[in-house]
Amino acid sequence: MNLNNITVNTQSSIRIEGSKILYFDPFKIEADKHDADIIFITHEHFDHFEPESIMKLKKENTILVAPESMKKQVLSTQGLTSDNCVFYNPGETHEQGDITIETIPAYNNLKPFHPKSKKWQGYVVKMDDIRYYVAGDTDVNEDIKKVQCDVAMIPIGGHYTMDKKQAADYIVSLKPKAVIPTHYGSIVGDKADGQAFKADVERLDGEIQVEIRL
């Protein structure tokens, strides 16, 4: 599967180019590109919701998608208004033009960092007949086990999220066509975690394509 249209900038900052240009949790964006059609925010932590990076990508008709629980915070950010933002709760399905958006609950099971009560979320986005899953910060839980996708982008750094071994087991059970690990090698997790994750997935299921971008 050709994944050249996907860029992982750092952490969970992801760009997907197709019939639309999509960004997820833009973070540490250096250049003023102003090319985003839709920007997705998974939750409010600084490495996922960074207004400075959003403003470097936003153009006149960019739509920002965020959790309903972040509405007050987002709309208090200069440059973001109810005219260019939409807010969804976990477990919903919406359309934005030709793009289908499913919101997937993202939370920890026992850790305190991402409680389910915050109603934060990942996204399954269907674009050009491909289903992309960007998990956000989450542990393996009953909600994410229900995801159906072609390409998964999941955190593997541990501490705040699932670790590389848990992520590998999850992906093998999910059986996407391809997976790209994220959220390691900078704030949490070692650079080597990506290769360890890749080796585990390939050992358990040689049919899943694993791409390392960090």
N, C-alpha and C. Protein backbone atom coordinates (compact mmCIF):
# COMPACT_ATOMS: atom_id res chain seq x y z
N MET A 1 0.86 -1.19 0.00
CA MET A 1 0.00 0.00 0.00
C MET A 1 0.89 1.24 0.00
N ASN A 2 0.60 2.18 -0.88
CA ASN A 2 1.42 3.39 -0.98
C ASN A 2 1.00 4.39 0.09
N LEU A 3 1.94 4.71 0.99
CA LEU A 3 1.66 5.63 2.07
C LEU A 3 2.47 6.92 1.94
N ASN A 4 2.91 7.22 0.74
CA ASN A 4 3.73 8.41 0.53
C ASN A 4 2.96 9.70 0.74
N ASN A 5 1.64 9.60 0.84
CA ASN A 5 0.82 10.79 1.07
C ASN A 5 0.71 11.15 2.55
N ILE A 6 1.36 10.35 3.41
CA ILE A 6 1.28 10.57 4.86
C ILE A 6 2.63 11.02 5.39
N THR A 7 2.61 12.12 6.13
CA THR A 7 3.82 12.64 6.79
C THR A 7 3.56 12.71 8.28
N VAL A 8 4.52 12.22 9.08
CA VAL A 8 4.48 12.42 10.53
C VAL A 8 5.56 13.45 10.85
N ASN A 9 5.14 14.61 11.29
CA ASN A 9 6.09 15.69 11.53
C ASN A 9 6.88 15.45 12.81
N THR A 10 6.18 15.25 13.90
CA THR A 10 6.78 14.91 15.20
C THR A 10 5.64 14.50 16.11
N GLN A 11 5.95 13.72 17.15
CA GLN A 11 4.91 13.30 18.09
C GLN A 11 3.73 12.66 17.35
N SER A 12 2.57 13.29 17.44
CA SER A 12 1.37 12.81 16.73
C SER A 12 0.91 13.83 15.70
N SER A 13 1.82 14.65 15.23
CA SER A 13 1.52 15.68 14.23
C SER A 13 1.59 15.05 12.84
N ILE A 14 0.42 14.88 12.23
CA ILE A 14 0.30 14.07 11.01
C ILE A 14 -0.34 14.90 9.90
N ARG A 15 0.17 14.72 8.68
CA ARG A 15 -0.42 15.33 7.48
C ARG A 15 -0.77 14.22 6.50
N ILE A 16 -2.00 14.24 5.99
CA ILE A 16 -2.42 13.28 4.98
C ILE A 16 -2.92 14.06 3.77
N GLU A 17 -2.35 13.76 2.62
CA GLU A 17 -2.72 14.46 1.40
C GLU A 17 -3.48 13.53 0.48
N GLY A 18 -4.65 13.96 0.05
CA GLY A 18 -5.45 13.23 -0.91
C GLY A 18 -6.29 14.24 -1.67
N SER A 19 -7.57 13.94 -1.85
CA SER A 19 -8.45 14.92 -2.47
C SER A 19 -8.59 16.16 -1.60
N LYS A 20 -8.32 16.00 -0.29
CA LYS A 20 -8.19 17.11 0.65
C LYS A 20 -6.87 16.97 1.39
N ILE A 21 -6.42 18.07 1.98
CA ILE A 21 -5.22 18.03 2.82
C ILE A 21 -5.68 18.09 4.27
N LEU A 22 -5.36 17.04 5.00
CA LEU A 22 -5.79 16.88 6.38
C LEU A 22 -4.59 16.95 7.32
N TYR A 23 -4.77 17.62 8.44
CA TYR A 23 -3.75 17.64 9.49
C TYR A 23 -4.38 17.15 10.79
N PHE A 24 -3.59 16.44 11.57
CA PHE A 24 -4.01 15.97 12.87
C PHE A 24 -3.00 16.45 13.92
N ASP A 25 -3.50 17.11 14.95
CA ASP A 25 -2.67 17.58 16.07
C ASP A 25 -1.39 18.26 15.61
N PRO A 26 -1.47 19.28 14.76
CA PRO A 26 -0.24 19.94 14.29
C PRO A 26 0.56 20.51 15.46
N PHE A 27 1.86 20.24 15.43
CA PHE A 27 2.73 20.58 16.55
C PHE A 27 4.12 20.88 16.01
N LYS A 28 4.69 21.98 16.45
CA LYS A 28 6.03 22.40 16.01
C LYS A 28 6.12 22.54 14.49
N ILE A 29 5.08 23.10 13.90
CA ILE A 29 5.09 23.39 12.46
C ILE A 29 5.97 24.62 12.24
N GLU A 30 6.95 24.51 11.37
CA GLU A 30 7.91 25.59 11.18
C GLU A 30 7.49 26.56 10.08
N ALA A 31 7.04 26.04 8.94
CA ALA A 31 6.76 26.90 7.79
C ALA A 31 5.29 27.32 7.77
N ASP A 32 5.05 28.53 7.27
CA ASP A 32 3.69 29.00 7.04
C ASP A 32 3.19 28.39 5.73
N LYS A 33 2.38 27.36 5.82
CA LYS A 33 1.91 26.65 4.62
C LYS A 33 0.51 27.05 4.21
N HIS A 34 -0.35 27.25 5.17
CA HIS A 34 -1.74 27.66 4.91
C HIS A 34 -2.38 26.79 3.83
N ASP A 35 -2.23 25.47 3.98
CA ASP A 35 -2.74 24.55 2.97
C ASP A 35 -3.76 23.55 3.53
N ALA A 36 -4.16 23.70 4.78
CA ALA A 36 -5.03 22.72 5.41
C ALA A 36 -6.48 22.90 4.97
N ASP A 37 -7.11 21.80 4.55
CA ASP A 37 -8.55 21.81 4.32
C ASP A 37 -9.29 21.52 5.62
N ILE A 38 -8.81 20.51 6.35
CA ILE A 38 -9.40 20.18 7.66
C ILE A 38 -8.25 19.92 8.64
N ILE A 39 -8.36 20.49 9.84
CA ILE A 39 -7.43 20.23 10.92
C ILE A 39 -8.19 19.54 12.03
N PHE A 40 -7.68 18.40 12.47
CA PHE A 40 -8.32 17.61 13.53
C PHE A 40 -7.49 17.74 14.81
N ILE A 41 -8.17 17.98 15.92
CA ILE A 41 -7.53 18.02 17.24
C ILE A 41 -8.11 16.88 18.07
N THR A 42 -7.23 16.10 18.70
CA THR A 42 -7.70 14.95 19.48
C THR A 42 -7.97 15.31 20.94
N HIS A 43 -7.12 16.20 21.51
CA HIS A 43 -7.34 16.60 22.90
C HIS A 43 -6.50 17.82 23.21
N GLU A 44 -6.59 18.30 24.45
CA GLU A 44 -6.11 19.64 24.77
C GLU A 44 -4.65 19.73 25.19
N HIS A 45 -3.93 18.65 25.33
CA HIS A 45 -2.54 18.73 25.79
C HIS A 45 -1.68 19.50 24.80
N PHE A 46 -0.63 20.13 25.32
CA PHE A 46 0.13 21.12 24.54
C PHE A 46 0.72 20.56 23.27
N ASP A 47 1.06 19.26 23.25
CA ASP A 47 1.68 18.66 22.08
C ASP A 47 0.63 18.15 21.08
N HIS A 48 -0.64 18.46 21.33
CA HIS A 48 -1.72 18.08 20.43
C HIS A 48 -2.58 19.28 20.02
N PHE A 49 -2.68 20.26 20.90
CA PHE A 49 -3.40 21.49 20.58
C PHE A 49 -2.45 22.67 20.76
N GLU A 50 -1.86 23.08 19.64
CA GLU A 50 -0.89 24.17 19.65
C GLU A 50 -1.37 25.25 18.68
N PRO A 51 -2.01 26.30 19.18
CA PRO A 51 -2.58 27.33 18.29
C PRO A 51 -1.59 27.92 17.30
N GLU A 52 -0.32 28.08 17.70
CA GLU A 52 0.67 28.68 16.79
C GLU A 52 0.82 27.84 15.53
N SER A 53 0.85 26.52 15.67
CA SER A 53 0.97 25.66 14.50
C SER A 53 -0.30 25.67 13.66
N ILE A 54 -1.44 25.71 14.33
CA ILE A 54 -2.71 25.76 13.60
C ILE A 54 -2.75 26.99 12.70
N MET A 55 -2.31 28.13 13.21
CA MET A 55 -2.37 29.37 12.44
C MET A 55 -1.42 29.35 11.23
N LYS A 56 -0.37 28.54 11.29
CA LYS A 56 0.55 28.42 10.16
C LYS A 56 -0.04 27.55 9.04
N LEU A 57 -1.05 26.77 9.37
CA LEU A 57 -1.65 25.86 8.39
C LEU A 57 -3.01 26.33 7.90
N LYS A 58 -3.69 27.10 8.71
CA LYS A 58 -5.06 27.53 8.44
C LYS A 58 -5.11 28.49 7.24
N LYS A 59 -6.12 28.29 6.40
CA LYS A 59 -6.42 29.24 5.33
C LYS A 59 -7.85 29.72 5.53
N GLU A 60 -8.35 30.49 4.60
CA GLU A 60 -9.64 31.16 4.82
C GLU A 60 -10.78 30.18 5.06
N ASN A 61 -10.78 29.06 4.34
CA ASN A 61 -11.91 28.13 4.45
C ASN A 61 -11.56 26.84 5.18
N THR A 62 -10.48 26.83 5.94
CA THR A 62 -10.11 25.65 6.72
C THR A 62 -11.16 25.38 7.80
N ILE A 63 -11.50 24.09 7.95
CA ILE A 63 -12.38 23.66 9.04
C ILE A 63 -11.52 23.01 10.12
N LEU A 64 -11.75 23.39 11.37
CA LEU A 64 -11.09 22.73 12.49
C LEU A 64 -12.11 21.86 13.21
N VAL A 65 -11.74 20.59 13.41
CA VAL A 65 -12.60 19.62 14.10
C VAL A 65 -11.97 19.31 15.45
N ALA A 66 -12.76 19.43 16.52
CA ALA A 66 -12.23 19.20 17.86
C ALA A 66 -13.31 18.56 18.73
N PRO A 67 -12.92 17.99 19.87
CA PRO A 67 -13.92 17.45 20.80
C PRO A 67 -14.85 18.54 21.32
N GLU A 68 -16.09 18.19 21.50
CA GLU A 68 -17.07 19.11 22.08
C GLU A 68 -16.60 19.63 23.43
N SER A 69 -15.90 18.79 24.18
CA SER A 69 -15.42 19.18 25.51
C SER A 69 -14.36 20.27 25.46
N MET A 70 -13.80 20.54 24.28
CA MET A 70 -12.80 21.59 24.11
C MET A 70 -13.38 22.88 23.53
N LYS A 71 -14.67 22.94 23.35
CA LYS A 71 -15.28 24.06 22.62
C LYS A 71 -14.91 25.42 23.21
N LYS A 72 -15.04 25.57 24.50
CA LYS A 72 -14.74 26.86 25.13
C LYS A 72 -13.28 27.23 24.94
N GLN A 73 -12.39 26.28 25.12
CA GLN A 73 -10.96 26.53 24.96
C GLN A 73 -10.62 26.91 23.53
N VAL A 74 -11.16 26.18 22.57
CA VAL A 74 -10.85 26.45 21.16
C VAL A 74 -11.37 27.82 20.75
N LEU A 75 -12.59 28.13 21.11
CA LEU A 75 -13.19 29.39 20.67
C LEU A 75 -12.63 30.61 21.39
N SER A 76 -11.87 30.38 22.46
CA SER A 76 -11.18 31.49 23.12
C SER A 76 -9.81 31.75 22.50
N THR A 77 -9.45 30.95 21.49
CA THR A 77 -8.17 31.10 20.79
C THR A 77 -8.33 32.09 19.65
N GLN A 78 -7.46 33.07 19.60
CA GLN A 78 -7.54 34.09 18.55
C GLN A 78 -7.41 33.45 17.17
N GLY A 79 -8.33 33.80 16.28
CA GLY A 79 -8.30 33.27 14.93
C GLY A 79 -9.21 32.08 14.71
N LEU A 80 -9.78 31.54 15.79
CA LEU A 80 -10.69 30.41 15.69
C LEU A 80 -12.07 30.85 16.16
N THR A 81 -13.07 30.64 15.32
CA THR A 81 -14.43 31.07 15.64
C THR A 81 -15.41 29.94 15.31
N SER A 82 -16.64 30.14 15.69
CA SER A 82 -17.68 29.14 15.39
C SER A 82 -17.93 29.01 13.89
N ASP A 83 -17.46 29.98 13.11
CA ASP A 83 -17.62 29.90 11.65
C ASP A 83 -16.67 28.89 11.02
N ASN A 84 -15.52 28.65 11.66
CA ASN A 84 -14.54 27.73 11.05
C ASN A 84 -14.21 26.53 11.93
N CYS A 85 -15.02 26.28 12.97
CA CYS A 85 -14.79 25.14 13.86
C CYS A 85 -16.06 24.31 13.99
N VAL A 86 -15.89 23.00 14.10
CA VAL A 86 -17.00 22.11 14.44
C VAL A 86 -16.56 21.23 15.60
N PHE A 87 -17.53 20.85 16.42
CA PHE A 87 -17.22 20.12 17.65
C PHE A 87 -18.08 18.86 17.73
N TYR A 88 -17.41 17.73 17.95
CA TYR A 88 -18.10 16.45 18.00
C TYR A 88 -17.80 15.75 19.32
N ASN A 89 -18.69 14.87 19.71
CA ASN A 89 -18.47 13.98 20.84
C ASN A 89 -17.96 12.63 20.36
N PRO A 90 -17.28 11.88 21.21
CA PRO A 90 -16.85 10.53 20.83
C PRO A 90 -18.03 9.64 20.46
N GLY A 91 -17.82 8.79 19.47
CA GLY A 91 -18.83 7.83 19.08
C GLY A 91 -19.81 8.34 18.05
N GLU A 92 -19.46 9.40 17.33
CA GLU A 92 -20.35 9.98 16.33
C GLU A 92 -19.80 9.78 14.91
N THR A 93 -20.66 9.97 13.92
CA THR A 93 -20.27 9.95 12.50
C THR A 93 -20.80 11.21 11.83
N HIS A 94 -19.93 11.88 11.08
CA HIS A 94 -20.30 13.14 10.43
C HIS A 94 -19.72 13.19 9.02
N GLU A 95 -20.26 14.07 8.21
CA GLU A 95 -19.74 14.31 6.87
C GLU A 95 -19.23 15.74 6.77
N GLN A 96 -18.07 15.88 6.15
CA GLN A 96 -17.56 17.20 5.78
C GLN A 96 -17.24 17.14 4.29
N GLY A 97 -18.20 17.54 3.46
CA GLY A 97 -18.02 17.38 2.02
C GLY A 97 -17.94 15.91 1.66
N ASP A 98 -16.87 15.52 0.98
CA ASP A 98 -16.68 14.13 0.58
C ASP A 98 -15.97 13.31 1.66
N ILE A 99 -15.69 13.89 2.80
CA ILE A 99 -14.96 13.23 3.87
C ILE A 99 -15.94 12.73 4.93
N THR A 100 -15.82 11.45 5.29
CA THR A 100 -16.60 10.90 6.40
C THR A 100 -15.72 10.83 7.64
N ILE A 101 -16.24 11.30 8.75
CA ILE A 101 -15.48 11.39 10.00
C ILE A 101 -16.19 10.58 11.08
N GLU A 102 -15.49 9.61 11.66
CA GLU A 102 -15.98 8.88 12.82
C GLU A 102 -15.11 9.27 14.02
N THR A 103 -15.73 9.61 15.13
CA THR A 103 -14.98 9.98 16.33
C THR A 103 -14.88 8.76 17.24
N ILE A 104 -13.65 8.42 17.63
CA ILE A 104 -13.37 7.22 18.39
C ILE A 104 -12.91 7.61 19.80
N PRO A 105 -13.57 7.15 20.86
CA PRO A 105 -13.12 7.50 22.20
C PRO A 105 -11.63 7.18 22.40
N ALA A 106 -10.92 8.10 23.03
CA ALA A 106 -9.48 7.93 23.29
C ALA A 106 -9.24 8.19 24.78
N TYR A 107 -8.79 7.16 25.50
CA TYR A 107 -8.63 7.32 26.94
C TYR A 107 -7.73 6.23 27.52
N ASN A 108 -7.25 6.50 28.71
CA ASN A 108 -6.48 5.52 29.48
C ASN A 108 -7.42 4.63 30.28
N ASN A 109 -6.96 3.42 30.57
CA ASN A 109 -7.73 2.52 31.41
C ASN A 109 -7.52 2.81 32.90
N LEU A 110 -6.27 2.90 33.30
CA LEU A 110 -5.94 3.11 34.72
C LEU A 110 -5.11 4.36 34.95
N LYS A 111 -4.38 4.80 33.94
CA LYS A 111 -3.54 5.99 34.09
C LYS A 111 -4.40 7.24 34.21
N PRO A 112 -3.87 8.30 34.84
CA PRO A 112 -4.69 9.50 35.07
C PRO A 112 -4.63 10.54 33.96
N PHE A 113 -3.86 10.30 32.91
CA PHE A 113 -3.54 11.37 31.96
C PHE A 113 -4.68 11.69 30.99
N HIS A 114 -5.41 10.67 30.58
CA HIS A 114 -6.48 10.85 29.58
C HIS A 114 -7.73 10.11 30.07
N PRO A 115 -8.40 10.66 31.06
CA PRO A 115 -9.59 9.98 31.58
C PRO A 115 -10.74 9.97 30.57
N LYS A 116 -11.51 8.92 30.59
CA LYS A 116 -12.63 8.79 29.65
C LYS A 116 -13.63 9.93 29.82
N SER A 117 -13.74 10.45 31.05
CA SER A 117 -14.69 11.52 31.35
C SER A 117 -14.40 12.81 30.59
N LYS A 118 -13.16 12.98 30.10
CA LYS A 118 -12.81 14.19 29.33
C LYS A 118 -13.43 14.21 27.94
N LYS A 119 -13.85 13.04 27.47
CA LYS A 119 -14.48 12.90 26.15
C LYS A 119 -13.57 13.39 25.03
N TRP A 120 -12.31 12.98 25.11
CA TRP A 120 -11.36 13.22 24.02
C TRP A 120 -11.49 12.10 23.00
N GLN A 121 -10.86 12.28 21.82
CA GLN A 121 -11.16 11.33 20.75
C GLN A 121 -10.07 11.24 19.69
N GLY A 122 -10.01 10.06 19.09
CA GLY A 122 -9.30 9.88 17.84
C GLY A 122 -10.30 9.96 16.70
N TYR A 123 -9.81 9.72 15.49
CA TYR A 123 -10.67 9.87 14.32
C TYR A 123 -10.41 8.76 13.31
N VAL A 124 -11.48 8.21 12.76
CA VAL A 124 -11.39 7.44 11.52
C VAL A 124 -11.95 8.33 10.42
N VAL A 125 -11.10 8.65 9.47
CA VAL A 125 -11.49 9.54 8.37
C VAL A 125 -11.45 8.75 7.06
N LYS A 126 -12.56 8.73 6.37
CA LYS A 126 -12.60 8.07 5.07
C LYS A 126 -12.45 9.12 3.98
N MET A 127 -11.36 9.00 3.23
CA MET A 127 -11.06 9.91 2.13
C MET A 127 -10.54 9.09 0.96
N ASP A 128 -11.10 9.33 -0.22
CA ASP A 128 -10.67 8.62 -1.43
C ASP A 128 -10.74 7.11 -1.24
N ASP A 129 -11.81 6.65 -0.57
CA ASP A 129 -12.08 5.22 -0.34
C ASP A 129 -11.05 4.53 0.56
N ILE A 130 -10.28 5.30 1.31
CA ILE A 130 -9.34 4.74 2.28
C ILE A 130 -9.75 5.24 3.66
N ARG A 131 -9.76 4.33 4.63
CA ARG A 131 -10.13 4.66 6.00
C ARG A 131 -8.85 4.81 6.83
N TYR A 132 -8.58 6.04 7.26
CA TYR A 132 -7.41 6.36 8.05
C TYR A 132 -7.82 6.51 9.53
N TYR A 133 -7.15 5.80 10.41
CA TYR A 133 -7.41 5.91 11.84
C TYR A 133 -6.26 6.61 12.53
N VAL A 134 -6.51 7.77 13.12
CA VAL A 134 -5.53 8.48 13.94
C VAL A 134 -6.05 8.40 15.37
N ALA A 135 -5.32 7.69 16.21
CA ALA A 135 -5.87 7.27 17.51
C ALA A 135 -5.85 8.35 18.57
N GLY A 136 -4.97 9.36 18.44
CA GLY A 136 -4.77 10.26 19.56
C GLY A 136 -4.05 9.55 20.69
N ASP A 137 -4.13 10.09 21.89
CA ASP A 137 -3.46 9.47 23.04
C ASP A 137 -4.44 8.53 23.73
N THR A 138 -4.13 7.25 23.70
CA THR A 138 -5.05 6.27 24.23
C THR A 138 -4.32 5.00 24.64
N ASP A 139 -4.92 4.28 25.55
CA ASP A 139 -4.54 2.90 25.82
C ASP A 139 -5.39 2.00 24.93
N VAL A 140 -5.05 0.73 24.89
CA VAL A 140 -5.94 -0.24 24.26
C VAL A 140 -7.16 -0.40 25.17
N ASN A 141 -8.32 -0.15 24.63
CA ASN A 141 -9.55 -0.25 25.40
C ASN A 141 -10.66 -0.84 24.53
N GLU A 142 -11.79 -1.09 25.12
CA GLU A 142 -12.87 -1.77 24.39
C GLU A 142 -13.36 -0.93 23.21
N ASP A 143 -13.29 0.40 23.31
CA ASP A 143 -13.78 1.25 22.22
C ASP A 143 -12.89 1.19 20.99
N ILE A 144 -11.60 1.21 21.18
CA ILE A 144 -10.73 1.22 19.99
C ILE A 144 -10.61 -0.17 19.36
N LYS A 145 -11.02 -1.19 20.09
CA LYS A 145 -11.02 -2.53 19.51
C LYS A 145 -12.07 -2.68 18.42
N LYS A 146 -13.03 -1.77 18.38
CA LYS A 146 -14.12 -1.84 17.41
C LYS A 146 -13.80 -1.12 16.10
N VAL A 147 -12.64 -0.47 16.03
CA VAL A 147 -12.29 0.34 14.85
C VAL A 147 -12.13 -0.54 13.62
N GLN A 148 -12.56 -0.01 12.50
CA GLN A 148 -12.30 -0.63 11.20
C GLN A 148 -11.57 0.39 10.33
N CYS A 149 -10.38 0.02 9.85
CA CYS A 149 -9.58 0.98 9.08
C CYS A 149 -8.65 0.24 8.13
N ASP A 150 -8.15 1.00 7.16
CA ASP A 150 -7.12 0.49 6.25
C ASP A 150 -5.73 0.85 6.75
N VAL A 151 -5.60 2.07 7.28
CA VAL A 151 -4.32 2.56 7.78
C VAL A 151 -4.52 3.05 9.21
N ALA A 152 -3.68 2.59 10.13
CA ALA A 152 -3.77 3.01 11.53
C ALA A 152 -2.52 3.79 11.91
N MET A 153 -2.71 4.87 12.62
CA MET A 153 -1.60 5.65 13.19
C MET A 153 -1.83 5.72 14.68
N ILE A 154 -1.00 4.99 15.44
CA ILE A 154 -1.27 4.79 16.86
C ILE A 154 -0.04 5.12 17.70
N PRO A 155 -0.25 5.56 18.95
CA PRO A 155 0.88 5.87 19.83
C PRO A 155 1.52 4.61 20.37
N ILE A 156 2.84 4.64 20.53
CA ILE A 156 3.52 3.45 21.05
C ILE A 156 4.51 3.79 22.17
N GLY A 157 4.58 5.05 22.59
CA GLY A 157 5.65 5.49 23.49
C GLY A 157 5.51 5.06 24.94
N GLY A 158 4.33 4.56 25.34
CA GLY A 158 4.15 4.18 26.73
C GLY A 158 3.98 5.39 27.64
N HIS A 159 3.94 5.16 28.91
CA HIS A 159 3.75 6.14 29.98
C HIS A 159 2.39 6.83 29.87
N TYR A 160 2.18 7.68 28.87
CA TYR A 160 0.90 8.36 28.71
C TYR A 160 -0.09 7.54 27.88
N THR A 161 0.40 6.57 27.12
CA THR A 161 -0.41 5.80 26.18
C THR A 161 0.00 4.34 26.24
N MET A 162 -0.57 3.55 25.36
CA MET A 162 -0.10 2.17 25.19
C MET A 162 1.38 2.16 24.83
N ASP A 163 2.08 1.09 25.21
CA ASP A 163 3.49 0.97 24.85
C ASP A 163 3.64 0.15 23.57
N LYS A 164 4.86 -0.03 23.14
CA LYS A 164 5.11 -0.66 21.84
C LYS A 164 4.61 -2.10 21.78
N LYS A 165 4.72 -2.84 22.88
CA LYS A 165 4.25 -4.23 22.89
C LYS A 165 2.73 -4.27 22.87
N GLN A 166 2.09 -3.46 23.68
CA GLN A 166 0.62 -3.40 23.67
C GLN A 166 0.11 -2.95 22.31
N ALA A 167 0.81 -1.99 21.71
CA ALA A 167 0.41 -1.49 20.39
C ALA A 167 0.53 -2.57 19.33
N ALA A 168 1.59 -3.34 19.38
CA ALA A 168 1.78 -4.41 18.40
C ALA A 168 0.67 -5.45 18.51
N ASP A 169 0.35 -5.86 19.74
CA ASP A 169 -0.71 -6.85 19.94
C ASP A 169 -2.05 -6.30 19.44
N TYR A 170 -2.29 -5.02 19.71
CA TYR A 170 -3.54 -4.39 19.27
C TYR A 170 -3.65 -4.38 17.74
N ILE A 171 -2.58 -3.98 17.09
CA ILE A 171 -2.60 -3.88 15.62
C ILE A 171 -2.80 -5.25 14.99
N VAL A 172 -2.20 -6.26 15.55
CA VAL A 172 -2.38 -7.61 15.01
C VAL A 172 -3.84 -8.05 15.14
N SER A 173 -4.49 -7.66 16.22
CA SER A 173 -5.91 -8.00 16.38
C SER A 173 -6.80 -7.14 15.48
N LEU A 174 -6.38 -5.90 15.23
CA LEU A 174 -7.17 -4.97 14.39
C LEU A 174 -7.07 -5.32 12.92
N LYS A 175 -5.90 -5.77 12.50
CA LYS A 175 -5.63 -6.19 11.12
C LYS A 175 -5.89 -5.11 10.06
N PRO A 176 -5.29 -3.91 10.22
CA PRO A 176 -5.34 -2.95 9.11
C PRO A 176 -4.40 -3.41 8.00
N LYS A 177 -4.50 -2.77 6.86
CA LYS A 177 -3.55 -3.07 5.80
C LYS A 177 -2.17 -2.53 6.13
N ALA A 178 -2.13 -1.40 6.84
CA ALA A 178 -0.85 -0.75 7.14
C ALA A 178 -0.95 0.00 8.46
N VAL A 179 0.19 0.23 9.09
CA VAL A 179 0.24 0.96 10.36
C VAL A 179 1.48 1.83 10.39
N ILE A 180 1.34 3.00 10.98
CA ILE A 180 2.46 3.91 11.22
C ILE A 180 2.46 4.24 12.72
N PRO A 181 3.52 3.89 13.45
CA PRO A 181 3.58 4.23 14.88
C PRO A 181 3.90 5.70 15.09
N THR A 182 3.32 6.28 16.15
CA THR A 182 3.53 7.69 16.48
C THR A 182 3.77 7.84 17.97
N HIS A 183 4.00 9.10 18.38
CA HIS A 183 4.06 9.46 19.81
C HIS A 183 5.20 8.72 20.52
N TYR A 184 6.39 8.80 19.95
CA TYR A 184 7.58 8.23 20.60
C TYR A 184 8.80 8.96 20.05
N GLY A 185 9.90 8.85 20.78
CA GLY A 185 11.16 9.36 20.29
C GLY A 185 11.45 10.81 20.59
N SER A 186 10.50 11.52 21.22
CA SER A 186 10.77 12.92 21.58
C SER A 186 10.37 13.15 23.04
N ILE A 187 9.08 13.36 23.30
CA ILE A 187 8.64 13.61 24.68
C ILE A 187 8.66 12.33 25.50
N VAL A 188 8.19 11.24 24.92
CA VAL A 188 8.23 9.93 25.58
C VAL A 188 8.69 8.88 24.58
N GLY A 189 9.22 7.78 25.12
CA GLY A 189 9.63 6.68 24.25
C GLY A 189 10.96 6.94 23.58
N ASP A 190 11.65 5.86 23.25
CA ASP A 190 12.95 5.93 22.58
C ASP A 190 12.77 5.86 21.07
N LYS A 191 13.75 6.37 20.34
CA LYS A 191 13.73 6.28 18.88
C LYS A 191 13.67 4.83 18.42
N ALA A 192 14.29 3.94 19.22
CA ALA A 192 14.34 2.52 18.85
C ALA A 192 12.98 1.83 18.97
N ASP A 193 12.03 2.49 19.63
CA ASP A 193 10.73 1.85 19.83
C ASP A 193 10.02 1.55 18.53
N GLY A 194 10.21 2.41 17.53
CA GLY A 194 9.56 2.19 16.24
C GLY A 194 10.00 0.89 15.59
N GLN A 195 11.29 0.66 15.59
CA GLN A 195 11.80 -0.57 14.99
C GLN A 195 11.40 -1.81 15.79
N ALA A 196 11.36 -1.67 17.11
CA ALA A 196 10.93 -2.79 17.95
C ALA A 196 9.45 -3.12 17.69
N PHE A 197 8.63 -2.09 17.56
CA PHE A 197 7.22 -2.28 17.22
C PHE A 197 7.08 -2.96 15.87
N LYS A 198 7.82 -2.49 14.89
CA LYS A 198 7.78 -3.07 13.55
C LYS A 198 8.14 -4.55 13.57
N ALA A 199 9.20 -4.88 14.30
CA ALA A 199 9.64 -6.27 14.38
C ALA A 199 8.56 -7.15 15.02
N ASP A 200 7.93 -6.64 16.07
CA ASP A 200 6.88 -7.40 16.75
C ASP A 200 5.69 -7.66 15.83
N VAL A 201 5.24 -6.61 15.14
CA VAL A 201 4.09 -6.76 14.25
C VAL A 201 4.42 -7.74 13.13
N GLU A 202 5.58 -7.61 12.53
CA GLU A 202 5.95 -8.48 11.42
C GLU A 202 6.13 -9.92 11.86
N ARG A 203 6.58 -10.12 13.10
CA ARG A 203 6.71 -11.48 13.63
C ARG A 203 5.34 -12.12 13.86
N LEU A 204 4.38 -11.30 14.30
CA LEU A 204 3.06 -11.82 14.64
C LEU A 204 2.13 -11.91 13.43
N ASP A 205 2.31 -11.01 12.47
CA ASP A 205 1.46 -10.99 11.27
C ASP A 205 2.22 -10.34 10.13
N GLY A 206 2.79 -11.16 9.27
CA GLY A 206 3.63 -10.65 8.20
C GLY A 206 2.88 -9.96 7.09
N GLU A 207 1.55 -9.94 7.14
CA GLU A 207 0.76 -9.31 6.07
C GLU A 207 0.50 -7.83 6.32
N ILE A 208 0.72 -7.37 7.55
CA ILE A 208 0.47 -5.96 7.87
C ILE A 208 1.71 -5.13 7.53
N GLN A 209 1.55 -4.12 6.70
CA GLN A 209 2.64 -3.25 6.31
C GLN A 209 2.94 -2.25 7.43
N VAL A 210 4.19 -2.19 7.86
CA VAL A 210 4.59 -1.28 8.94
C VAL A 210 5.54 -0.24 8.38
N GLU A 211 5.19 1.04 8.50
CA GLU A 211 6.04 2.12 8.01
C GLU A 211 6.53 2.94 9.20
N ILE A 212 7.84 3.22 9.23
CA ILE A 212 8.45 4.01 10.30
C ILE A 212 8.71 5.41 9.77
N ARG A 213 8.17 6.43 10.45
CA ARG A 213 8.30 7.81 9.98
C ARG A 213 8.98 8.71 11.01
N LEU A 214 9.21 8.24 12.22
CA LEU A 214 9.87 9.06 13.24
C LEU A 214 11.27 8.53 13.53
